[in-house]
C-alpha atoms as a PDB file:
ATOM      1  CA  MET A   1     -74.212 -38.788 -24.635  1.00  0.00           C
ATOM      2  CA  GLU A   2     -75.854 -35.760 -22.893  1.00  0.00           C
ATOM      3  CA  SER A   3     -78.350 -37.790 -21.451  1.00  0.00           C
ATOM      4  CA  GLN A   4     -75.911 -40.485 -19.908  1.00  0.00           C
ATOM      5  CA  GLU A   5     -74.134 -37.723 -17.834  1.00  0.00           C
ATOM      6  CA  GLN A   6     -77.597 -36.609 -16.358  1.00  0.00           C
ATOM      7  CA  ILE A   7     -78.538 -39.994 -15.457  1.00  0.00           C
ATOM      8  CA  GLU A   8     -75.430 -40.436 -13.770  1.00  0.00           C
ATOM      9  CA  ILE A   9     -75.682 -37.037 -11.771  1.00  0.00           C
ATOM     10  CA  ARG A  10     -79.406 -37.856 -10.934  1.00  0.00           C
ATOM     11  CA  SER A  11     -78.836 -41.194 -10.245  1.00  0.00           C
ATOM     12  CA  GLU A  12     -80.204 -42.625  -6.508  1.00  0.00           C
ATOM     13  CA  LYS A  13     -76.341 -43.446  -5.502  1.00  0.00           C
ATOM     14  CA  VAL A  14     -75.205 -39.921  -6.354  1.00  0.00           C
ATOM     15  CA  GLN A  15     -78.399 -38.461  -4.671  1.00  0.00           C
ATOM     16  CA  ASN A  16     -77.413 -40.462  -1.311  1.00  0.00           C
ATOM     17  CA  VAL A  17     -73.954 -38.950  -1.073  1.00  0.00           C
ATOM     18  CA  ILE A  18     -74.895 -35.400  -1.677  1.00  0.00           C
ATOM     19  CA  GLU A  19     -77.535 -35.289   0.699  1.00  0.00           C
ATOM     20  CA  GLN A  20     -75.588 -37.030   3.488  1.00  0.00           C
ATOM     21  CA  ILE A  21     -74.722 -34.839   6.187  1.00  0.00           C
ATOM     22  CA  PRO A  22     -71.027 -35.233   7.324  1.00  0.00           C
ATOM     23  CA  SER A  23     -70.274 -36.984  10.600  1.00  0.00           C
ATOM     24  CA  VAL A  24     -69.546 -35.079  13.899  1.00  0.00           C
ATOM     25  CA  LEU A  25     -65.586 -36.568  13.597  1.00  0.00           C
ATOM     26  CA  THR A  26     -65.425 -34.616   9.980  1.00  0.00           C
ATOM     27  CA  ARG A  27     -66.857 -31.464  11.087  1.00  0.00           C
ATOM     28  CA  GLY A  28     -65.030 -31.517  14.618  1.00  0.00           C
ATOM     29  CA  GLY A  29     -61.919 -32.531  12.358  1.00  0.00           C
ATOM     30  CA  THR A  30     -62.181 -29.600  10.537  1.00  0.00           C
ATOM     31  CA  MET A  31     -63.050 -27.127  13.370  1.00  0.00           C
ATOM     32  CA  VAL A  32     -59.717 -28.249  14.833  1.00  0.00           C
ATOM     33  CA  VAL A  33     -57.951 -27.631  11.593  1.00  0.00           C
ATOM     34  CA  VAL A  34     -59.377 -24.286  11.105  1.00  0.00           C
ATOM     35  CA  VAL A  35     -57.971 -23.076  14.957  1.00  0.00           C
ATOM     36  CA  ILE A  36     -54.935 -24.754  14.614  1.00  0.00           C
ATOM     37  CA  LEU A  37     -54.314 -22.262  11.038  1.00  0.00           C
ATOM     38  CA  THR A  38     -55.511 -19.652  12.984  1.00  0.00           C
ATOM     39  CA  ILE A  39     -53.460 -19.617  16.070  1.00  0.00           C
ATOM     40  CA  ILE A  40     -50.247 -20.536  13.974  1.00  0.00           C
ATOM     41  CA  GLY A  41     -51.686 -17.466  11.627  1.00  0.00           C
ATOM     42  CA  TYR A  42     -51.792 -15.179  14.933  1.00  0.00           C
ATOM     43  CA  ILE A  43     -48.257 -16.141  16.327  1.00  0.00           C
ATOM     44  CA  ALA A  44     -46.798 -15.671  12.809  1.00  0.00           C
ATOM     45  CA  TYR A  45     -48.406 -12.045  12.808  1.00  0.00           C
ATOM     46  CA  LYS A  46     -47.558 -11.331  16.750  1.00  0.00           C
ATOM     47  CA  VAL A  47     -44.292 -12.886  17.424  1.00  0.00           C
ATOM     48  CA  PRO A  48     -41.052 -11.155  16.278  1.00  0.00           C
ATOM     49  CA  TYR A  49     -38.159 -13.715  14.561  1.00  0.00           C
ATOM     50  CA  PRO A  50     -35.221 -11.616  15.052  1.00  0.00           C
ATOM     51  CA  PHE A  51     -32.228 -12.318  12.829  1.00  0.00           C
ATOM     52  CA  ALA A  52     -29.085 -11.786  14.588  1.00  0.00           C
ATOM     53  CA  LEU A  53     -25.266 -11.583  13.688  1.00  0.00           C
ATOM     54  CA  GLU A  54     -22.862 -12.526  15.284  1.00  0.00           C
ATOM     55  CA  ALA A  55     -19.479 -11.476  15.259  1.00  0.00           C
ATOM     56  CA  ASP A  56     -15.640 -12.016  17.171  1.00  0.00           C
ATOM     57  CA  GLY A  57     -13.891  -9.407  18.276  1.00  0.00           C
ATOM     58  CA  VAL A  58     -11.029  -8.245  20.947  1.00  0.00           C
ATOM     59  CA  ILE A  59     -11.275  -5.233  23.451  1.00  0.00           C
ATOM     60  CA  VAL A  60      -9.316  -2.090  22.422  1.00  0.00           C
ATOM     61  CA  GLU A  61      -8.078   0.756  24.304  1.00  0.00           C
ATOM     62  CA  THR A  62      -8.467   4.202  23.014  1.00  0.00           C
ATOM     63  CA  ASN A  63      -6.554   7.010  24.673  1.00  0.00           C
ATOM     64  CA  THR A  64      -7.712  10.710  24.138  1.00  0.00           C
ATOM     65  CA  LYS A  65      -6.499  14.059  25.757  1.00  0.00           C
ATOM     66  CA  GLN A  66      -9.792  13.756  27.905  1.00  0.00           C
ATOM     67  CA  GLU A  67     -10.483  10.271  28.639  1.00  0.00           C
ATOM     68  CA  ARG A  68      -9.014   7.044  28.760  1.00  0.00           C
ATOM     69  CA  LYS A  69     -11.704   4.391  26.538  1.00  0.00           C
ATOM     70  CA  ILE A  70     -12.222   0.972  26.566  1.00  0.00           C
ATOM     71  CA  THR A  71     -14.335  -0.157  23.182  1.00  0.00           C
ATOM     72  CA  SER A  72     -15.099  -3.134  21.388  1.00  0.00           C
ATOM     73  CA  GLU A  73     -13.624  -3.792  18.258  1.00  0.00           C
ATOM     74  CA  LEU A  74     -15.827  -6.378  16.217  1.00  0.00           C
ATOM     75  CA  THR A  75     -14.783  -8.101  12.948  1.00  0.00           C
ATOM     76  CA  ILE A  76     -18.125  -8.486  11.253  1.00  0.00           C
ATOM     77  CA  PRO A  77     -18.043 -10.467   7.565  1.00  0.00           C
ATOM     78  CA  TYR A  78     -18.657  -8.037   5.011  1.00  0.00           C
ATOM     79  CA  LYS A  79     -21.580  -9.113   3.271  1.00  0.00           C
ATOM     80  CA  TYR A  80     -23.263  -7.258   5.953  1.00  0.00           C
ATOM     81  CA  HIS A  81     -21.936  -4.472   5.532  1.00  0.00           C
ATOM     82  CA  ASN A  82     -25.301  -2.826   4.515  1.00  0.00           C
ATOM     83  CA  CYS A  83     -27.244  -4.374   7.592  1.00  0.00           C
ATOM     84  CA  ILE A  84     -24.874  -2.830   9.817  1.00  0.00           C
ATOM     85  CA  HIS A  85     -25.433   1.155  11.145  1.00  0.00           C
ATOM     86  CA  LYS A  86     -24.514   3.426  13.900  1.00  0.00           C
ATOM     87  CA  LYS A  87     -26.854   3.149  16.694  1.00  0.00           C
ATOM     88  CA  LYS A  88     -27.541  -0.812  16.246  1.00  0.00           C
ATOM     89  CA  SER A  89     -27.601  -3.038  19.632  1.00  0.00           C
ATOM     90  CA  VAL A  90     -24.999  -5.119  20.619  1.00  0.00           C
ATOM     91  CA  THR A  91     -24.685  -7.760  23.401  1.00  0.00           C
ATOM     92  CA  ILE A  92     -21.226  -8.580  23.928  1.00  0.00           C
ATOM     93  CA  ILE A  93     -20.491 -11.643  25.825  1.00  0.00           C
ATOM     94  CA  VAL A  94     -16.666 -11.610  27.434  1.00  0.00           C
ATOM     95  CA  GLU A  95     -14.295 -15.104  26.988  1.00  0.00           C
ATOM     96  CA  ASP A  96     -14.525 -17.006  29.873  1.00  0.00           C
ATOM     97  CA  GLN A  97     -17.416 -15.149  31.174  1.00  0.00           C
ATOM     98  CA  ASP A  98     -20.584 -16.877  29.628  1.00  0.00           C
ATOM     99  CA  ASP A  99     -22.733 -15.253  32.002  1.00  0.00           C
ATOM    100  CA  VAL A 100     -21.743 -11.685  31.536  1.00  0.00           C
ATOM    101  CA  LYS A 101     -23.415  -9.782  29.100  1.00  0.00           C
ATOM    102  CA  ILE A 102     -22.831  -6.188  28.021  1.00  0.00           C
ATOM    103  CA  ILE A 103     -25.240  -4.150  26.359  1.00  0.00           C
ATOM    104  CA  SER A 104     -23.823  -1.476  23.897  1.00  0.00           C
ATOM    105  CA  HIS A 105     -24.314  -0.046  20.687  1.00  0.00           C
ATOM    106  CA  ILE A 106     -22.408   0.284  17.337  1.00  0.00           C
ATOM    107  CA  ASP A 107     -20.439   3.732  17.593  1.00  0.00           C
ATOM    108  CA  SER A 108     -18.354   3.625  14.517  1.00  0.00           C
ATOM    109  CA  ILE A 109     -17.509   1.763  11.698  1.00  0.00           C
ATOM    110  CA  ARG A 110     -14.266   1.411   9.653  1.00  0.00           C
ATOM    111  CA  ASN A 111     -15.295   1.036   6.143  1.00  0.00           C
ATOM    112  CA  ASN A 112     -12.016  -0.473   4.770  1.00  0.00           C
ATOM    113  CA  ILE A 113     -11.878  -4.479   4.008  1.00  0.00           C
ATOM    114  CA  VAL A 114     -10.049  -6.746   6.317  1.00  0.00           C
ATOM    115  CA  THR A 115      -9.065 -10.201   4.810  1.00  0.00           C
ATOM    116  CA  ARG A 116      -8.228 -12.654   7.321  1.00  0.00           C
ATOM    117  CA  ASN A 117      -8.101 -16.358   6.425  1.00  0.00           C
ATOM    118  CA  GLY A 118      -9.274 -15.732   2.814  1.00  0.00           C
ATOM    119  CA  ARG A 119     -12.698 -14.057   3.955  1.00  0.00           C
ATOM    120  CA  ASN A 120     -13.766 -10.047   3.755  1.00  0.00           C
ATOM    121  CA  TYR A 121     -14.572  -8.398   6.902  1.00  0.00           C
ATOM    122  CA  PHE A 122     -14.900  -5.076   7.829  1.00  0.00           C
ATOM    123  CA  ILE A 123     -14.787  -3.428  11.716  1.00  0.00           C
ATOM    124  CA  ALA A 124     -17.345  -1.845  13.993  1.00  0.00           C
ATOM    125  CA  TYR A 125     -16.780  -0.051  17.293  1.00  0.00           C
ATOM    126  CA  ALA A 126     -18.841  -0.412  20.230  1.00  0.00           C
ATOM    127  CA  PRO A 127     -18.142   1.156  23.412  1.00  0.00           C
ATOM    128  CA  ILE A 128     -18.059  -0.546  26.936  1.00  0.00           C
ATOM    129  CA  LYS A 129     -18.983   1.714  29.873  1.00  0.00           C
ATOM    130  CA  THR A 130     -16.647   1.964  32.476  1.00  0.00           C
ATOM    131  CA  ASN A 131     -18.841   0.661  35.426  1.00  0.00           C
ATOM    132  CA  ASP A 132     -18.909  -2.157  32.768  1.00  0.00           C
ATOM    133  CA  VAL A 133     -15.386  -2.353  32.792  1.00  0.00           C
ATOM    134  CA  MET A 134     -14.400  -2.352  36.386  1.00  0.00           C
ATOM    135  CA  SER A 135     -17.577  -4.780  37.519  1.00  0.00           C
ATOM    136  CA  TYR A 136     -16.374  -7.373  35.203  1.00  0.00           C
ATOM    137  CA  ASN A 137     -12.522  -6.798  34.926  1.00  0.00           C
ATOM    138  CA  LEU A 138     -11.976  -6.125  31.599  1.00  0.00           C
ATOM    139  CA  PHE A 139      -8.709  -5.369  30.077  1.00  0.00           C
ATOM    140  CA  PRO A 140      -7.372  -4.757  26.364  1.00  0.00           C
ATOM    141  CA  LYS A 141      -6.744  -7.863  24.185  1.00  0.00           C
ATOM    142  CA  MET A 142      -9.449  -9.673  25.554  1.00  0.00           C
ATOM    143  CA  THR A 143     -11.519 -11.471  23.041  1.00  0.00           C
ATOM    144  CA  ILE A 144     -15.453 -11.168  22.975  1.00  0.00           C
ATOM    145  CA  HIS A 145     -18.167 -12.523  21.078  1.00  0.00           C
ATOM    146  CA  ALA A 146     -21.125  -9.915  20.083  1.00  0.00           C
ATOM    147  CA  ILE A 147     -24.740 -10.414  18.733  1.00  0.00           C
ATOM    148  CA  ILE A 148     -26.440  -7.973  16.885  1.00  0.00           C
ATOM    149  CA  VAL A 149     -29.851  -7.797  16.337  1.00  0.00           C
ATOM    150  CA  ILE A 150     -30.353  -6.796  12.495  1.00  0.00           C
ATOM    151  CA  ASP A 151     -33.916  -6.961  12.126  1.00  0.00           C
ATOM    152  CA  SER A 152     -36.804  -8.222  14.760  1.00  0.00           C
ATOM    153  CA  SER A 153     -39.943  -7.877  12.212  1.00  0.00           C
ATOM    154  CA  THR A 154     -42.342 -10.883  12.479  1.00  0.00           C
ATOM    155  CA  VAL A 155     -42.789 -14.144  10.174  1.00  0.00           C
ATOM    156  CA  LEU A 156     -45.397 -12.578   8.181  1.00  0.00           C
ATOM    157  CA  GLN A 157     -43.467  -9.372   7.930  1.00  0.00           C
ATOM    158  CA  ARG A 158     -40.432 -10.883   6.053  1.00  0.00           C
ATOM    159  CA  ILE A 159     -42.659 -13.239   3.648  1.00  0.00           C
ATOM    160  CA  PHE A 160     -44.677 -10.367   2.575  1.00  0.00           C
ATOM    161  CA  ASN A 161     -41.751  -7.458   2.361  1.00  0.00           C
ATOM    162  CA  GLN A 162     -39.399  -9.817   0.215  1.00  0.00           C
END
C-alpha cells in the first residue's frame, strides 16, 4: 500500500502539475483579490459607521423667572434608555421644513416611562437657541423629528468590541 502511494506522488503527471508555473491571469487575479481585500479592510478600519437613533417630539415652552426657553421634547423608545446621556448631539428637523436642521444636545432626561400605542418611551429634552427660534419662526407644539448619533465607531471596532 505504501509503495503505491509513493508511486502516485512521484508519477510523471503529478510532477508536471507541481512544476508548472501559474499563468499570468492566475497571478494577476490573486493580486487583484488581495488589493481589493486590503482596500475593504482599510475602509472598515478608517471610515466611521454611525449608529443613529431617530425620535419624534414637539417643541415646548418653559418659563422661568429669569427667561422664556424654547426646548424640544423628544420621545425616545425605552430600549435605548442606556444609550442616551446628557450632552449627546441631536439634529432637529422641524415639521414641513426639511431643509432646516438645528444642532443641539440632550440637556435633561426624564426617567419615568411614558406608554403610547402599547410601547414604552422616555422623554429627553434638547434646548433650542433663541437665534434658531427667531430665524426659523418656531412655536410651541410644532412637531419635530430628531436624529441622535449614539455611536460613530468604525465597522472593525464594532466587530471586535462586541
